[in-house]
Protein backbone atom coordinates (compact mmCIF):
# COMPACT_ATOMS: atom_id res chain seq x y z
CA MET A 1 13.26 3.56 12.37
CA LYS A 2 12.79 1.24 15.04
CA ARG A 3 9.92 0.72 14.53
CA ALA A 4 10.52 0.32 10.65
CA ALA A 5 13.27 -1.76 11.36
CA ARG A 6 11.11 -4.74 13.69
CA GLU A 7 9.04 -4.25 10.39
CA THR A 8 11.24 -5.18 8.71
CA ARG A 9 12.59 -7.89 11.01
CA GLU A 10 8.93 -9.24 10.92
CA LEU A 11 8.43 -9.39 6.95
CA GLY A 12 11.67 -11.33 6.26
CA GLU A 13 10.12 -14.39 8.94
CA GLN A 14 7.56 -13.91 7.21
CA LEU A 15 9.15 -14.49 3.79
CA LEU A 16 11.17 -17.96 5.53
CA CYS A 17 7.70 -19.03 5.51
CA LEU A 18 6.19 -18.75 2.62
CA ALA A 19 6.44 -21.07 -0.32
CA GLU A 20 9.29 -21.51 -2.62
CA GLN A 21 7.42 -21.00 -5.66
CA GLU A 22 6.20 -17.68 -3.91
CA LEU A 23 9.70 -16.73 -3.25
CA GLU A 24 11.27 -17.40 -6.85
CA SER A 25 7.73 -15.07 -7.79
CA LEU A 26 8.93 -12.29 -6.21
CA GLY A 27 11.68 -12.18 -8.47
CA LEU A 28 13.78 -11.43 -5.09
CA ASP A 29 17.83 -10.58 -5.48
CA GLU A 30 19.62 -14.54 -4.94
CA ARG A 31 20.95 -13.54 -2.05
CA LEU A 32 18.17 -12.41 0.10
CA VAL A 33 16.72 -15.04 -1.92
CA ASP A 34 19.69 -17.77 -0.38
CA ALA A 35 19.63 -16.18 3.29
CA VAL A 36 15.76 -16.93 3.86
CA ASP A 37 17.03 -20.49 1.48
CA GLN A 38 19.62 -20.93 4.56
CA ALA A 39 17.83 -19.53 7.20
CA ARG A 40 15.93 -22.79 6.62
CA ARG A 41 18.13 -24.72 7.07
CA ILE A 42 19.62 -23.41 10.53
CA LYS A 43 18.88 -25.16 13.64
CA SER A 44 20.31 -24.12 16.20
CA ARG A 45 18.81 -21.26 17.60
CA GLU A 46 20.84 -18.55 17.75
CA ALA A 47 22.59 -18.77 14.03
CA LEU A 48 18.61 -18.56 13.05
CA ARG A 49 18.08 -15.32 15.08
CA ARG A 50 21.95 -13.51 13.30
CA GLN A 51 20.53 -15.42 9.86
CA LYS A 52 16.95 -13.08 10.72
CA GLN A 53 18.64 -9.96 11.34
CA TYR A 54 21.03 -10.53 7.98
CA ILE A 55 17.57 -10.93 6.41
CA ALA A 56 16.82 -8.57 7.33
CA ARG A 57 19.07 -6.25 6.44
CA LEU A 58 19.10 -7.18 3.01
CA LEU A 59 15.52 -6.27 3.14
CA MET A 60 16.51 -2.68 3.20
CA SER A 61 17.88 -2.35 0.17
CA VAL A 62 15.24 -3.79 -1.67
CA ASP A 63 11.21 -2.62 -2.23
CA THR A 64 9.00 -4.93 -0.78
CA ALA A 65 5.93 -3.84 -1.51
CA PRO A 66 4.86 -6.42 -3.07
CA ILE A 67 6.82 -8.64 -0.68
CA ARG A 68 4.23 -7.10 1.66
CA ALA A 69 1.17 -7.15 -1.02
CA LEU A 70 1.83 -11.14 -1.31
CA VAL A 71 2.13 -11.79 3.12
CA GLU A 72 -1.47 -9.91 2.86
CA ARG A 73 -3.47 -11.48 0.24
CA ARG A 74 -1.85 -14.57 1.61
CA GLU A 75 -2.99 -13.55 5.71
CA ALA A 76 -6.34 -12.91 3.70
CA SER A 77 -6.54 -16.61 2.02
CA GLU A 78 -5.72 -18.14 5.64
CA ARG A 79 -7.96 -16.06 7.25
CA ARG A 80 -11.19 -16.56 4.74
CA HIS A 81 -10.31 -20.76 5.08
CA LYS A 82 -10.54 -20.77 9.53
CA LYS A 83 -13.46 -18.82 9.13
CA ARG A 84 -14.90 -21.55 6.46
CA PHE A 85 -13.55 -23.72 8.92
CA ARG A 86 -15.46 -22.41 11.15
CA SER A 87 -19.16 -21.56 9.93
CA ALA A 88 -18.46 -25.32 8.51
CA GLU A 89 -18.27 -26.54 12.22
CA ARG A 90 -20.66 -24.72 12.93
CA TRP A 91 -22.92 -25.88 10.11
CA ARG A 92 -22.48 -29.34 11.06
CA ASP A 93 -22.61 -29.42 14.64
CA ARG A 94 -26.25 -27.63 13.88
CA LEU A 95 -26.96 -30.41 11.15
CA VAL A 96 -26.79 -33.38 13.44
CA ARG A 97 -28.20 -32.12 16.33
CA GLU A 98 -31.33 -30.82 14.31
CA ARG A 99 -31.36 -32.64 11.15
CA HIS A 100 -33.68 -32.41 8.18
CA ALA A 101 -34.51 -29.44 10.61
CA ALA A 102 -31.59 -27.57 10.36
CA LEU A 103 -30.30 -29.22 6.24
CA ALA A 104 -33.55 -26.51 4.95
CA ALA A 105 -31.64 -23.77 6.05
CA PHE A 106 -28.38 -25.52 4.78
CA GLU A 107 -29.39 -25.29 1.50
CA SER A 108 -30.97 -21.70 2.15
CA ALA A 109 -27.29 -20.87 3.08
CA ALA A 110 -24.77 -22.92 0.71
CA GLY A 111 -27.55 -22.29 -2.75
CA ARG A 112 -28.66 -24.99 -3.48
CA GLU A 113 -30.08 -28.15 -2.81
CA GLN A 114 -27.24 -30.88 -0.50
CA PRO A 115 -28.60 -34.18 -1.56
CA ASP A 116 -24.88 -35.85 -0.41
CA VAL A 117 -25.54 -34.17 3.42
CA LEU A 118 -29.31 -35.68 3.40
CA ASP A 119 -28.13 -39.15 2.31
CA LEU A 120 -25.23 -38.43 4.85
CA LEU A 121 -28.11 -37.81 8.41
CA ASP A 122 -30.26 -40.16 6.91
CA ALA A 123 -26.85 -42.77 7.77
CA LEU A 124 -26.91 -41.05 10.82
CA GLU A 125 -30.08 -41.83 12.05
CA ARG A 126 -29.26 -46.06 10.62
CA SER A 127 -25.84 -46.03 12.11
CA GLY A 128 -25.75 -48.70 15.32
CA SER A 129 -22.07 -47.74 16.67
CA ASP A 130 -20.56 -43.97 17.35
CA ARG A 131 -17.40 -45.36 15.63
CA GLU A 132 -19.67 -45.20 12.64
CA GLU A 133 -21.01 -42.05 14.03
CA LYS A 134 -17.99 -40.57 15.00
CA GLY A 135 -16.84 -41.09 10.66
CA ILE A 136 -20.35 -40.31 9.31
CA ARG A 137 -20.00 -37.10 11.05
CA ARG A 138 -15.91 -36.78 9.68
CA SER A 139 -17.82 -37.49 6.34
CA ILE A 140 -20.71 -34.68 6.34
CA PHE A 141 -17.84 -32.21 7.63
CA ARG A 142 -16.36 -32.70 4.21
CA ALA A 143 -19.63 -32.09 2.66
CA VAL A 144 -20.42 -28.76 4.12
CA PHE A 145 -16.38 -27.35 3.97
CA GLU A 146 -17.44 -28.40 -0.21
CA ALA A 147 -20.56 -26.66 -0.16
CA LEU A 148 -19.47 -23.52 1.54
CA GLY A 149 -16.66 -23.39 -0.37
CA GLU A 150 -18.49 -22.79 -3.72
């Protein structure tokens, strides 16, 4: 019983993190949607705690399966994004360190040629200042991040 109450309370807290469109897509009871909206506006810690309890109480009378499914999809999407971000960081660092030697491996991993990354690596070799180099490294990261997302 305590575990179920805790899970319901945590699910209610996750409702607060959902975007307005996601919340509307669930087709929840109007009282629950109003309670979530009110909780988002509350500044007082104690009042917010009580509002979260109220949301959990309202959730007990609602089918939570669609909410859980949406939260799971959202968390899976966030995990994929973080994994792609970390991979892009590693590739950027390797490309900057090994330059053209790492480009062939990256192109193989990305599944296509990367002429924009090649141009950026050439620009990196020609860069004269640390500030310019930093900007080029950011550009390399953006290009790598997008290439990994395709």
